[in-house]
PDB file of N, CA and C in Angstrom:
ATOM      1  N   MET A   1     172.930 118.253 148.785  1.00  0.00           N
ATOM      2  CA  MET A   1     173.858 116.927 148.798  1.00  0.00           C
ATOM      3  C   MET A   1     175.576 117.270 149.340  1.00  0.00           C
ATOM      4  N   PRO A   2     175.982 116.193 149.453  1.00  0.00           N
ATOM      5  CA  PRO A   2     177.556 116.142 150.450  1.00  0.00           C
ATOM      6  C   PRO A   2     178.275 116.153 148.443  1.00  0.00           C
ATOM      7  N   THR A   3     179.489 117.117 149.095  1.00  0.00           N
ATOM      8  CA  THR A   3     180.241 116.731 147.816  1.00  0.00           C
ATOM      9  C   THR A   3     181.577 115.883 148.447  1.00  0.00           C
ATOM     10  N   LEU A   4     182.823 115.746 147.453  1.00  0.00           N
ATOM     11  CA  LEU A   4     184.270 114.956 148.348  1.00  0.00           C
ATOM     12  C   LEU A   4     185.249 116.073 148.211  1.00  0.00           C
ATOM     13  N   THR A   5     184.870 117.569 148.842  1.00  0.00           N
ATOM     14  CA  THR A   5     185.487 118.408 149.098  1.00  0.00           C
ATOM     15  C   THR A   5     186.707 117.871 150.143  1.00  0.00           C
ATOM     16  N   ASP A   6     187.800 118.116 150.406  1.00  0.00           N
ATOM     17  CA  ASP A   6     188.954 117.817 151.328  1.00  0.00           C
ATOM     18  C   ASP A   6     188.921 116.450 150.881  1.00  0.00           C
ATOM     19  N   ILE A   7     188.827 115.926 150.140  1.00  0.00           N
ATOM     20  CA  ILE A   7     188.914 114.310 149.837  1.00  0.00           C
ATOM     21  C   ILE A   7     190.441 113.887 148.773  1.00  0.00           C
ATOM     22  N   ASN A   8     191.674 113.354 149.188  1.00  0.00           N
ATOM     23  CA  ASN A   8     192.692 113.453 148.148  1.00  0.00           C
ATOM     24  C   ASN A   8     192.354 112.132 147.804  1.00  0.00           C
ATOM     25  N   VAL A   9     192.349 112.076 145.909  1.00  0.00           N
ATOM     26  CA  VAL A   9     192.226 110.590 144.944  1.00  0.00           C
ATOM     27  C   VAL A   9     193.543 110.231 144.778  1.00  0.00           C
ATOM     28  N   ALA A  10     194.750 109.275 145.305  1.00  0.00           N
ATOM     29  CA  ALA A  10     195.345 108.786 144.364  1.00  0.00           C
ATOM     30  C   ALA A  10     194.949 108.019 142.815  1.00  0.00           C
ATOM     31  N   ILE A  11     195.637 108.238 141.662  1.00  0.00           N
ATOM     32  CA  ILE A  11     195.612 107.400 140.740  1.00  0.00           C
ATOM     33  C   ILE A  11     197.118 107.229 140.533  1.00  0.00           C
ATOM     34  N   LEU A  12     197.172 105.522 140.348  1.00  0.00           N
ATOM     35  CA  LEU A  12     197.950 105.123 140.364  1.00  0.00           C
ATOM     36  C   LEU A  12     198.249 104.779 138.340  1.00  0.00           C
ATOM     37  N   ALA A  13     199.205 105.268 137.462  1.00  0.00           N
ATOM     38  CA  ALA A  13     199.080 104.800 136.358  1.00  0.00           C
ATOM     39  C   ALA A  13     200.479 104.537 136.072  1.00  0.00           C
ATOM     40  N   VAL A  14     200.809 103.718 134.775  1.00  0.00           N
ATOM     41  CA  VAL A  14     201.855 103.954 134.145  1.00  0.00           C
ATOM     42  C   VAL A  14     201.826 104.136 132.806  1.00  0.00           C
ATOM     43  N   ASP A  15     202.379 104.101 132.020  1.00  0.00           N
ATOM     44  CA  ASP A  15     202.138 103.983 130.467  1.00  0.00           C
ATOM     45  C   ASP A  15     201.188 103.075 129.928  1.00  0.00           C
ATOM     46  N   GLY A  16     200.520 103.113 128.913  1.00  0.00           N
ATOM     47  CA  GLY A  16     199.849 101.854 128.940  1.00  0.00           C
ATOM     48  C   GLY A  16     198.331 101.843 129.219  1.00  0.00           C
ATOM     49  N   PHE A  17     198.140 102.534 130.111  1.00  0.00           N
ATOM     50  CA  PHE A  17     196.940 102.533 130.775  1.00  0.00           C
ATOM     51  C   PHE A  17     195.542 103.163 130.041  1.00  0.00           C
ATOM     52  N   GLU A  18     194.092 102.437 130.219  1.00  0.00           N
ATOM     53  CA  GLU A  18     193.097 102.685 129.580  1.00  0.00           C
ATOM     54  C   GLU A  18     193.059 104.279 129.618  1.00  0.00           C
ATOM     55  N   GLN A  19     192.856 105.266 128.678  1.00  0.00           N
ATOM     56  CA  GLN A  19     192.988 106.735 128.989  1.00  0.00           C
ATOM     57  C   GLN A  19     191.177 107.221 128.756  1.00  0.00           C
ATOM     58  N   VAL A  20     190.963 106.382 129.043  1.00  0.00           N
ATOM     59  CA  VAL A  20     189.292 106.723 129.465  1.00  0.00           C
ATOM     60  C   VAL A  20     188.782 106.149 130.623  1.00  0.00           C
ATOM     61  N   GLU A  21     189.232 104.850 131.050  1.00  0.00           N
ATOM     62  CA  GLU A  21     189.612 104.534 132.781  1.00  0.00           C
ATOM     63  C   GLU A  21     190.064 105.286 133.748  1.00  0.00           C
ATOM     64  N   LEU A  22     190.926 106.619 133.377  1.00  0.00           N
ATOM     65  CA  LEU A  22     191.253 107.557 133.854  1.00  0.00           C
ATOM     66  C   LEU A  22     190.470 108.719 133.594  1.00  0.00           C
ATOM     67  N   THR A  23     190.252 109.018 132.736  1.00  0.00           N
ATOM     68  CA  THR A  23     189.775 110.888 132.486  1.00  0.00           C
ATOM     69  C   THR A  23     188.343 110.976 132.634  1.00  0.00           C
ATOM     70  N   GLY A  24     187.429 110.004 132.602  1.00  0.00           N
ATOM     71  CA  GLY A  24     186.481 110.109 132.508  1.00  0.00           C
ATOM     72  C   GLY A  24     186.263 109.945 134.323  1.00  0.00           C
ATOM     73  N   PRO A  25     186.467 108.759 135.491  1.00  0.00           N
ATOM     74  CA  PRO A  25     186.627 108.871 136.744  1.00  0.00           C
ATOM     75  C   PRO A  25     187.115 110.218 137.310  1.00  0.00           C
ATOM     76  N   ARG A  26     188.316 111.001 136.621  1.00  0.00           N
ATOM     77  CA  ARG A  26     188.877 111.445 137.588  1.00  0.00           C
ATOM     78  C   ARG A  26     188.237 112.651 136.800  1.00  0.00           C
ATOM     79  N   GLN A  27     187.153 113.477 136.302  1.00  0.00           N
ATOM     80  CA  GLN A  27     186.871 114.192 135.667  1.00  0.00           C
ATOM     81  C   GLN A  27     185.237 114.165 136.506  1.00  0.00           C
ATOM     82  N   SER A  28     184.813 112.828 136.977  1.00  0.00           N
ATOM     83  CA  SER A  28     183.958 112.897 137.695  1.00  0.00           C
ATOM     84  C   SER A  28     184.563 113.299 139.454  1.00  0.00           C
ATOM     85  N   LEU A  29     185.197 113.231 139.786  1.00  0.00           N
ATOM     86  CA  LEU A  29     185.641 112.980 140.620  1.00  0.00           C
ATOM     87  C   LEU A  29     185.775 114.656 141.261  1.00  0.00           C
ATOM     88  N   GLN A  30     186.803 115.314 139.962  1.00  0.00           N
ATOM     89  CA  GLN A  30     187.436 116.951 140.053  1.00  0.00           C
ATOM     90  C   GLN A  30     185.852 117.650 140.401  1.00  0.00           C
ATOM     91  N   ASP A  31     184.861 117.421 139.526  1.00  0.00           N
ATOM     92  CA  ASP A  31     183.549 117.599 139.497  1.00  0.00           C
ATOM     93  C   ASP A  31     183.117 118.052 140.970  1.00  0.00           C
ATOM     94  N   GLU A  32     183.082 116.779 141.872  1.00  0.00           N
ATOM     95  CA  GLU A  32     182.613 116.608 143.087  1.00  0.00           C
ATOM     96  C   GLU A  32     183.299 117.458 144.098  1.00  0.00           C
ATOM     97  N   GLY A  33     184.460 117.850 143.450  1.00  0.00           N
ATOM     98  CA  GLY A  33     185.672 118.764 144.916  1.00  0.00           C
ATOM     99  C   GLY A  33     186.461 117.927 145.261  1.00  0.00           C
ATOM    100  N   ALA A  34     186.873 116.352 144.776  1.00  0.00           N
ATOM    101  CA  ALA A  34     188.249 116.003 145.000  1.00  0.00           C
ATOM    102  C   ALA A  34     189.290 116.320 144.516  1.00  0.00           C
ATOM    103  N   ARG A  35     190.614 116.245 145.241  1.00  0.00           N
ATOM    104  CA  ARG A  35     191.604 116.440 144.083  1.00  0.00           C
ATOM    105  C   ARG A  35     192.347 115.505 143.692  1.00  0.00           C
ATOM    106  N   THR A  36     193.161 114.752 142.494  1.00  0.00           N
ATOM    107  CA  THR A  36     193.265 113.990 142.527  1.00  0.00           C
ATOM    108  C   THR A  36     194.899 114.170 142.123  1.00  0.00           C
ATOM    109  N   VAL A  37     195.614 113.497 142.912  1.00  0.00           N
ATOM    110  CA  VAL A  37     197.163 112.985 142.166  1.00  0.00           C
ATOM    111  C   VAL A  37     197.202 111.970 141.129  1.00  0.00           C
ATOM    112  N   LEU A  38     198.046 112.185 140.296  1.00  0.00           N
ATOM    113  CA  LEU A  38     198.535 111.310 139.356  1.00  0.00           C
ATOM    114  C   LEU A  38     199.874 110.569 139.703  1.00  0.00           C
ATOM    115  N   ILE A  39     200.188 109.248 140.222  1.00  0.00           N
ATOM    116  CA  ILE A  39     200.710 108.897 140.331  1.00  0.00           C
ATOM    117  C   ILE A  39     201.413 107.819 139.501  1.00  0.00           C
ATOM    118  N   SER A  40     203.022 107.706 139.009  1.00  0.00           N
ATOM    119  CA  SER A  40     203.243 107.161 138.326  1.00  0.00           C
ATOM    120  C   SER A  40     205.233 106.577 138.906  1.00  0.00           C
ATOM    121  N   ALA A  41     205.719 105.895 138.053  1.00  0.00           N
ATOM    122  CA  ALA A  41     206.976 105.205 138.566  1.00  0.00           C
ATOM    123  C   ALA A  41     208.254 106.413 138.351  1.00  0.00           C
ATOM    124  N   ARG A  42     207.772 107.294 136.884  1.00  0.00           N
ATOM    125  CA  ARG A  42     208.606 107.998 136.591  1.00  0.00           C
ATOM    126  C   ARG A  42     207.703 109.475 136.641  1.00  0.00           C
ATOM    127  N   THR A  43     208.708 110.630 136.651  1.00  0.00           N
ATOM    128  CA  THR A  43     208.206 112.130 136.810  1.00  0.00           C
ATOM    129  C   THR A  43     207.314 112.316 135.200  1.00  0.00           C
ATOM    130  N   ASP A  44     208.010 111.792 134.304  1.00  0.00           N
ATOM    131  CA  ASP A  44     207.580 111.726 132.869  1.00  0.00           C
ATOM    132  C   ASP A  44     206.680 111.898 132.715  1.00  0.00           C
ATOM    133  N   PRO A  45     206.144 112.416 131.633  1.00  0.00           N
ATOM    134  CA  PRO A  45     204.356 112.271 131.081  1.00  0.00           C
ATOM    135  C   PRO A  45     204.393 111.007 131.175  1.00  0.00           C
ATOM    136  N   ILE A  46     203.127 109.809 130.931  1.00  0.00           N
ATOM    137  CA  ILE A  46     202.682 108.893 130.996  1.00  0.00           C
ATOM    138  C   ILE A  46     201.685 108.896 129.556  1.00  0.00           C
ATOM    139  N   LEU A  47     201.685 107.461 128.222  1.00  0.00           N
ATOM    140  CA  LEU A  47     200.915 107.522 127.626  1.00  0.00           C
ATOM    141  C   LEU A  47     199.493 106.846 128.189  1.00  0.00           C
ATOM    142  N   GLY A  48     198.244 107.352 127.928  1.00  0.00           N
ATOM    143  CA  GLY A  48     197.072 106.723 127.414  1.00  0.00           C
ATOM    144  C   GLY A  48     196.880 106.020 126.400  1.00  0.00           C
ATOM    145  N   MET A  49     196.394 105.074 126.197  1.00  0.00           N
ATOM    146  CA  MET A  49     195.372 104.340 125.334  1.00  0.00           C
ATOM    147  C   MET A  49     194.382 104.368 124.896  1.00  0.00           C
ATOM    148  N   HIS A  50     193.687 104.115 123.598  1.00  0.00           N
ATOM    149  CA  HIS A  50     192.716 103.842 123.479  1.00  0.00           C
ATOM    150  C   HIS A  50     192.617 102.454 122.978  1.00  0.00           C
ATOM    151  N   HIS A  51     192.178 101.331 123.636  1.00  0.00           N
ATOM    152  CA  HIS A  51     192.322 100.033 123.225  1.00  0.00           C
ATOM    153  C   HIS A  51     193.669  99.799 122.440  1.00  0.00           C
ATOM    154  N   ASP A  52     194.045  99.848 121.215  1.00  0.00           N
ATOM    155  CA  ASP A  52     195.202  99.601 120.904  1.00  0.00           C
ATOM    156  C   ASP A  52     196.312 100.829 120.229  1.00  0.00           C
ATOM    157  N   LYS A  53     195.273 101.748 120.290  1.00  0.00           N
ATOM    158  CA  LYS A  53     196.143 102.807 119.968  1.00  0.00           C
ATOM    159  C   LYS A  53     196.597 104.337 120.995  1.00  0.00           C
ATOM    160  N   PRO A  54     197.456 104.751 120.806  1.00  0.00           N
ATOM    161  CA  PRO A  54     198.081 105.502 121.213  1.00  0.00           C
ATOM    162  C   PRO A  54     197.445 106.679 121.659  1.00  0.00           C
ATOM    163  N   GLY A  55     196.987 107.094 122.921  1.00  0.00           N
ATOM    164  CA  GLY A  55     196.337 108.259 123.180  1.00  0.00           C
ATOM    165  C   GLY A  55     196.802 109.571 123.571  1.00  0.00           C
ATOM    166  N   ASP A  56     196.532 110.383 124.580  1.00  0.00           N
ATOM    167  CA  ASP A  56     197.552 111.806 125.120  1.00  0.00           C
ATOM    168  C   ASP A  56     198.469 111.394 125.937  1.00  0.00           C
ATOM    169  N   ARG A  57     199.472 112.153 126.389  1.00  0.00           N
ATOM    170  CA  ARG A  57     200.532 112.164 127.809  1.00  0.00           C
ATOM    171  C   ARG A  57     199.845 112.766 128.403  1.00  0.00           C
ATOM    172  N   PHE A  58     200.271 112.294 129.950  1.00  0.00           N
ATOM    173  CA  PHE A  58     199.139 113.020 130.867  1.00  0.00           C
ATOM    174  C   PHE A  58     200.459 112.880 132.004  1.00  0.00           C
ATOM    175  N   PRO A  59     200.725 114.582 132.564  1.00  0.00           N
ATOM    176  CA  PRO A  59     201.844 115.494 133.168  1.00  0.00           C
ATOM    177  C   PRO A  59     201.672 113.995 134.726  1.00  0.00           C
ATOM    178  N   VAL A  60     202.512 113.948 135.468  1.00  0.00           N
ATOM    179  CA  VAL A  60     202.524 113.261 136.489  1.00  0.00           C
ATOM    180  C   VAL A  60     202.751 114.063 137.461  1.00  0.00           C
ATOM    181  N   ASP A  61     201.863 114.083 138.782  1.00  0.00           N
ATOM    182  CA  ASP A  61     202.329 115.014 139.919  1.00  0.00           C
ATOM    183  C   ASP A  61     203.251 114.048 140.756  1.00  0.00           C
ATOM    184  N   LEU A  62     203.295 112.840 141.295  1.00  0.00           N
ATOM    185  CA  LEU A  62     203.724 112.751 142.380  1.00  0.00           C
ATOM    186  C   LEU A  62     204.352 111.159 141.800  1.00  0.00           C
ATOM    187  N   THR A  63     205.901 110.413 142.380  1.00  0.00           N
ATOM    188  CA  THR A  63     206.267 109.027 141.793  1.00  0.00           C
ATOM    189  C   THR A  63     205.775 108.605 143.260  1.00  0.00           C
ATOM    190  N   PHE A  64     205.805 106.895 142.807  1.00  0.00           N
ATOM    191  CA  PHE A  64     205.523 106.140 143.870  1.00  0.00           C
ATOM    192  C   PHE A  64     205.930 106.348 145.009  1.00  0.00           C
ATOM    193  N   LEU A  65     207.389 106.623 144.580  1.00  0.00           N
ATOM    194  CA  LEU A  65     208.117 106.738 145.996  1.00  0.00           C
ATOM    195  C   LEU A  65     208.226 108.018 146.639  1.00  0.00           C
ATOM    196  N   GLN A  66     207.746 109.005 146.150  1.00  0.00           N
ATOM    197  CA  GLN A  66     207.138 110.060 146.495  1.00  0.00           C
ATOM    198  C   GLN A  66     205.628 109.567 147.593  1.00  0.00           C
ATOM    199  N   ALA A  67     204.768 109.462 146.725  1.00  0.00           N
ATOM    200  CA  ALA A  67     203.601 109.221 147.668  1.00  0.00           C
ATOM    201  C   ALA A  67     203.432 108.345 148.619  1.00  0.00           C
ATOM    202  N   ALA A  68     204.689 107.309 148.633  1.00  0.00           N
ATOM    203  CA  ALA A  68     204.900 106.579 150.051  1.00  0.00           C
ATOM    204  C   ALA A  68     205.551 107.356 150.948  1.00  0.00           C
ATOM    205  N   SER A  69     205.865 108.159 150.660  1.00  0.00           N
ATOM    206  CA  SER A  69     206.405 108.547 151.985  1.00  0.00           C
ATOM    207  C   SER A  69     205.235 109.676 152.580  1.00  0.00           C
ATOM    208  N   GLU A  70     204.120 109.987 152.111  1.00  0.00           N
ATOM    209  CA  GLU A  70     203.079 110.402 152.511  1.00  0.00           C
ATOM    210  C   GLU A  70     202.024 109.315 152.634  1.00  0.00           C
ATOM    211  N   PRO A  71     201.424 108.363 153.051  1.00  0.00           N
ATOM    212  CA  PRO A  71     200.385 107.603 152.457  1.00  0.00           C
ATOM    213  C   PRO A  71     199.200 108.042 152.872  1.00  0.00           C
ATOM    214  N   GLU A  72     199.092 108.600 154.562  1.00  0.00           N
ATOM    215  CA  GLU A  72     198.180 109.259 154.815  1.00  0.00           C
ATOM    216  C   GLU A  72     197.431 110.921 154.464  1.00  0.00           C
ATOM    217  N   VAL A  73     197.976 111.125 153.742  1.00  0.00           N
ATOM    218  CA  VAL A  73     197.964 112.178 152.499  1.00  0.00           C
ATOM    219  C   VAL A  73     196.393 111.797 151.681  1.00  0.00           C
ATOM    220  N   PHE A  74     196.149 110.123 151.344  1.00  0.00           N
ATOM    221  CA  PHE A  74     195.383 109.890 150.261  1.00  0.00           C
ATOM    222  C   PHE A  74     194.168 109.569 151.157  1.00  0.00           C
ATOM    223  N   ASP A  75     193.343 110.165 150.684  1.00  0.00           N
ATOM    224  CA  ASP A  75     192.277 109.328 151.221  1.00  0.00           C
ATOM    225  C   ASP A  75     191.257 108.077 150.407  1.00  0.00           C
ATOM    226  N   ALA A  76     191.717 108.323 148.973  1.00  0.00           N
ATOM    227  CA  ALA A  76     190.972 106.887 148.068  1.00  0.00           C
ATOM    228  C   ALA A  76     192.096 106.722 147.083  1.00  0.00           C
ATOM    229  N   LEU A  77     191.959 105.599 146.709  1.00  0.00           N
ATOM    230  CA  LEU A  77     192.972 104.917 145.414  1.00  0.00           C
ATOM    231  C   LEU A  77     191.894 104.718 144.101  1.00  0.00           C
ATOM    232  N   LEU A  78     192.126 105.132 143.253  1.00  0.00           N
ATOM    233  CA  LEU A  78     191.895 104.700 141.467  1.00  0.00           C
ATOM    234  C   LEU A  78     192.558 104.261 140.910  1.00  0.00           C
ATOM    235  N   LEU A  79     192.312 102.952 140.265  1.00  0.00           N
ATOM    236  CA  LEU A  79     193.696 102.618 139.409  1.00  0.00           C
ATOM    237  C   LEU A  79     193.114 102.304 138.536  1.00  0.00           C
ATOM    238  N   PRO A  80     193.490 102.762 137.281  1.00  0.00           N
ATOM    239  CA  PRO A  80     192.753 102.848 136.095  1.00  0.00           C
ATOM    240  C   PRO A  80     193.125 102.054 134.946  1.00  0.00           C
ATOM    241  N   GLY A  81     192.651 101.306 133.873  1.00  0.00           N
ATOM    242  CA  GLY A  81     192.974  99.839 133.864  1.00  0.00           C
ATOM    243  C   GLY A  81     194.022  99.631 132.665  1.00  0.00           C
ATOM    244  N   CYS A  82     194.374  98.942 132.328  1.00  0.00           N
ATOM    245  CA  CYS A  82     195.418  98.659 131.323  1.00  0.00           C
ATOM    246  C   CYS A  82     195.544  98.181 130.134  1.00  0.00           C
ATOM    247  N   CYS A  83     195.450  98.353 128.332  1.00  0.00           N
ATOM    248  CA  CYS A  83     195.034  97.783 127.634  1.00  0.00           C
ATOM    249  C   CYS A  83     196.262  96.271 127.954  1.00  0.00           C
ATOM    250  N   CYS A  84     197.357  96.784 128.187  1.00  0.00           N
ATOM    251  CA  CYS A  84     198.264  95.139 128.125  1.00  0.00           C
ATOM    252  C   CYS A  84     198.951  95.260 129.027  1.00  0.00           C
ATOM    253  N   ARG A  85     198.698  93.979 129.774  1.00  0.00           N
ATOM    254  CA  ARG A  85     199.183  93.584 130.944  1.00  0.00           C
ATOM    255  C   ARG A  85     200.945  93.952 131.400  1.00  0.00           C
ATOM    256  N   ALA A  86     201.693  93.627 130.333  1.00  0.00           N
ATOM    257  CA  ALA A  86     203.057  94.159 129.993  1.00  0.00           C
ATOM    258  C   ALA A  86     203.531  95.748 130.709  1.00  0.00           C
ATOM    259  N   ALA A  87     202.129  96.496 130.282  1.00  0.00           N
ATOM    260  CA  ALA A  87     202.854  97.855 131.005  1.00  0.00           C
ATOM    261  C   ALA A  87     202.710  97.608 132.778  1.00  0.00           C
ATOM    262  N   TRP A  88     202.154  97.035 133.516  1.00  0.00           N
ATOM    263  CA  TRP A  88     202.411  97.144 134.387  1.00  0.00           C
ATOM    264  C   TRP A  88     203.605  96.098 135.141  1.00  0.00           C
ATOM    265  N   SER A  89     204.246  96.492 135.271  1.00  0.00           N
ATOM    266  CA  SER A  89     205.499  96.084 136.093  1.00  0.00           C
ATOM    267  C   SER A  89     205.363  96.345 137.681  1.00  0.00           C
ATOM    268  N   MET A  90     206.138  95.939 138.440  1.00  0.00           N
ATOM    269  CA  MET A  90     205.598  96.406 139.876  1.00  0.00           C
ATOM    270  C   MET A  90     207.340  97.203 140.144  1.00  0.00           C
ATOM    271  N   PRO A  91     206.668  98.346 140.419  1.00  0.00           N
ATOM    272  CA  PRO A  91     208.448  99.364 141.149  1.00  0.00           C
ATOM    273  C   PRO A  91     208.174  98.372 142.389  1.00  0.00           C
ATOM    274  N   THR A  92     209.886  98.239 142.857  1.00  0.00           N
ATOM    275  CA  THR A  92     210.356  98.267 143.624  1.00  0.00           C
ATOM    276  C   THR A  92     209.910  98.638 145.227  1.00  0.00           C
ATOM    277  N   ARG A  93     209.167  99.560 145.092  1.00  0.00           N
ATOM    278  CA  ARG A  93     208.282 100.035 145.776  1.00  0.00           C
ATOM    279  C   ARG A  93     207.050 101.159 145.726  1.00  0.00           C
ATOM    280  N   SER A  94     205.904 100.802 145.875  1.00  0.00           N
ATOM    281  CA  SER A  94     204.368 101.051 145.578  1.00  0.00           C
ATOM    282  C   SER A  94     204.198 102.007 146.736  1.00  0.00           C
ATOM    283  N   ALA A  95     203.254 102.664 146.309  1.00  0.00           N
ATOM    284  CA  ALA A  95     202.478 103.941 147.110  1.00  0.00           C
ATOM    285  C   ALA A  95     201.805 102.964 148.012  1.00  0.00           C
ATOM    286  N   CYS A  96     201.804 103.526 149.750  1.00  0.00           N
ATOM    287  CA  CYS A  96     200.957 102.607 150.115  1.00  0.00           C
ATOM    288  C   CYS A  96     199.637 103.137 150.831  1.00  0.00           C
ATOM    289  N   ILE A  97     198.587 102.947 150.328  1.00  0.00           N
ATOM    290  CA  ILE A  97     197.687 103.484 151.135  1.00  0.00           C
ATOM    291  C   ILE A  97     196.912 102.480 152.500  1.00  0.00           C
ATOM    292  N   PRO A  98     197.043 103.196 153.916  1.00  0.00           N
ATOM    293  CA  PRO A  98     195.925 102.570 154.938  1.00  0.00           C
ATOM    294  C   PRO A  98     195.021 102.228 154.868  1.00  0.00           C
ATOM    295  N   ARG A  99     194.930 101.075 155.176  1.00  0.00           N
ATOM    296  CA  ARG A  99     193.433 100.461 155.759  1.00  0.00           C
ATOM    297  C   ARG A  99     191.973 100.873 155.707  1.00  0.00           C
ATOM    298  N   ARG A 100     191.148 100.920 155.509  1.00  0.00           N
ATOM    299  CA  ARG A 100     189.979 101.727 156.279  1.00  0.00           C
ATOM    300  C   ARG A 100     189.579 102.596 154.947  1.00  0.00           C
ATOM    301  N   ARG A 101     190.520 102.828 153.919  1.00  0.00           N
ATOM    302  CA  ARG A 101     190.151 103.847 152.738  1.00  0.00           C
ATOM    303  C   ARG A 101     189.563 102.875 151.517  1.00  0.00           C
ATOM    304  N   ILE A 102     188.808 104.460 150.931  1.00  0.00           N
ATOM    305  CA  ILE A 102     188.009 103.548 149.753  1.00  0.00           C
ATOM    306  C   ILE A 102     188.938 103.148 148.482  1.00  0.00           C
ATOM    307  N   LEU A 103     188.425 102.457 147.795  1.00  0.00           N
ATOM    308  CA  LEU A 103     189.287 101.397 147.190  1.00  0.00           C
ATOM    309  C   LEU A 103     188.305 101.479 146.017  1.00  0.00           C
ATOM    310  N   SER A 104     188.667 101.749 144.635  1.00  0.00           N
ATOM    311  CA  SER A 104     188.290 101.638 143.809  1.00  0.00           C
ATOM    312  C   SER A 104     188.755 101.104 142.658  1.00  0.00           C
ATOM    313  N   ALA A 105     188.557 100.572 141.520  1.00  0.00           N
ATOM    314  CA  ALA A 105     189.367  99.653 140.893  1.00  0.00           C
ATOM    315  C   ALA A 105     188.714  99.968 139.612  1.00  0.00           C
ATOM    316  N   ARG A 106     189.104  99.329 137.959  1.00  0.00           N
ATOM    317  CA  ARG A 106     188.115  99.482 137.205  1.00  0.00           C
ATOM    318  C   ARG A 106     188.844  97.568 136.576  1.00  0.00           C
ATOM    319  N   CYS A 107     187.546  97.118 136.295  1.00  0.00           N
ATOM    320  CA  CYS A 107     187.740  95.440 136.252  1.00  0.00           C
ATOM    321  C   CYS A 107     189.119  94.875 135.233  1.00  0.00           C
ATOM    322  N   SER A 108     189.326  95.519 134.167  1.00  0.00           N
ATOM    323  CA  SER A 108     191.248  95.441 133.597  1.00  0.00           C
ATOM    324  C   SER A 108     192.198  95.084 134.046  1.00  0.00           C
ATOM    325  N   THR A 109     192.207  96.229 135.620  1.00  0.00           N
ATOM    326  CA  THR A 109     193.381  96.370 135.972  1.00  0.00           C
ATOM    327  C   THR A 109     194.011  95.521 136.966  1.00  0.00           C
ATOM    328  N   PRO A 110     195.223  95.006 136.809  1.00  0.00           N
ATOM    329  CA  PRO A 110     195.655  93.985 137.836  1.00  0.00           C
ATOM    330  C   PRO A 110     195.572  93.581 139.232  1.00  0.00           C
ATOM    331  N   VAL A 111     194.528  94.492 139.974  1.00  0.00           N
ATOM    332  CA  VAL A 111     194.417  94.966 141.367  1.00  0.00           C
ATOM    333  C   VAL A 111     195.123  93.991 141.768  1.00  0.00           C
ATOM    334  N   SER A 112     194.534  92.841 141.984  1.00  0.00           N
ATOM    335  CA  SER A 112     195.553  91.943 143.081  1.00  0.00           C
ATOM    336  C   SER A 112     197.273  91.627 143.473  1.00  0.00           C
ATOM    337  N   ARG A 113     197.987  92.042 142.553  1.00  0.00           N
ATOM    338  CA  ARG A 113     199.308  92.640 142.644  1.00  0.00           C
ATOM    339  C   ARG A 113     199.388  93.405 143.069  1.00  0.00           C
ATOM    340  N   TRP A 114     198.469  94.611 143.228  1.00  0.00           N
ATOM    341  CA  TRP A 114     198.903  96.156 144.419  1.00  0.00           C
ATOM    342  C   TRP A 114     198.806  95.506 145.213  1.00  0.00           C
ATOM    343  N   LEU A 115     197.203  94.906 145.575  1.00  0.00           N
ATOM    344  CA  LEU A 115     196.661  94.728 147.165  1.00  0.00           C
ATOM    345  C   LEU A 115     197.749  93.771 147.668  1.00  0.00           C
ATOM    346  N   SER A 116     198.083  93.071 147.138  1.00  0.00           N
ATOM    347  CA  SER A 116     199.409  91.557 147.785  1.00  0.00           C
ATOM    348  C   SER A 116     200.255  92.384 147.902  1.00  0.00           C
ATOM    349  N   TYR A 117     201.099  93.722 147.393  1.00  0.00           N
ATOM    350  CA  TYR A 117     202.256  94.360 147.327  1.00  0.00           C
ATOM    351  C   TYR A 117     201.916  95.518 148.723  1.00  0.00           C
ATOM    352  N   ALA A 118     200.592  95.875 148.358  1.00  0.00           N
ATOM    353  CA  ALA A 118     200.404  96.891 149.703  1.00  0.00           C
ATOM    354  C   ALA A 118     200.513  95.603 150.650  1.00  0.00           C
ATOM    355  N   THR A 119     199.809  94.768 150.819  1.00  0.00           N
ATOM    356  CA  THR A 119     199.250  93.999 152.225  1.00  0.00           C
ATOM    357  C   THR A 119     200.473  93.651 152.927  1.00  0.00           C
ATOM    358  N   ALA A 120     201.397  92.887 152.120  1.00  0.00           N
ATOM    359  CA  ALA A 120     202.669  92.773 152.728  1.00  0.00           C
ATOM    360  C   ALA A 120     203.762  93.296 153.113  1.00  0.00           C
ATOM    361  N   ARG A 121     202.959  94.707 152.741  1.00  0.00           N
ATOM    362  CA  ARG A 121     204.138  95.921 153.527  1.00  0.00           C
ATOM    363  C   ARG A 121     203.235  96.109 154.460  1.00  0.00           C
ATOM    364  N   GLY A 122     202.277  95.979 155.208  1.00  0.00           N
ATOM    365  CA  GLY A 122     201.487  96.501 156.402  1.00  0.00           C
ATOM    366  C   GLY A 122     200.536  96.890 156.026  1.00  0.00           C
ATOM    367  N   CYS A 123     200.114  97.405 154.678  1.00  0.00           N
ATOM    368  CA  CYS A 123     198.898  98.625 154.591  1.00  0.00           C
ATOM    369  C   CYS A 123     197.801  98.155 155.007  1.00  0.00           C
TER     370      CYS A 123
END
């Protein structure tokens, strides 16, 4: 059975993300051998949510700007949903994943904002 060994997955999240939409997919990816990298606006740990209740804090591996400097490192993108739209404010720059890469997103994430931004940057 094929595995995801040697696959690097960028996970973009900010404070207020729906915790289960990060932890479940992340664990599944890691179980299949993928390396996951949590990317956010700042290096401070980010707060997950259980619907409208605070959840756990998660350590951030890279900032958006750091990830944008080496987009070719990532093979896939995971965007966990957010319990509140206010948490998703566009950074001045974002990680830019090249075309022809796998894209996975949860339904409640405002994906169009990320895709519009990446498209405008020529990704």
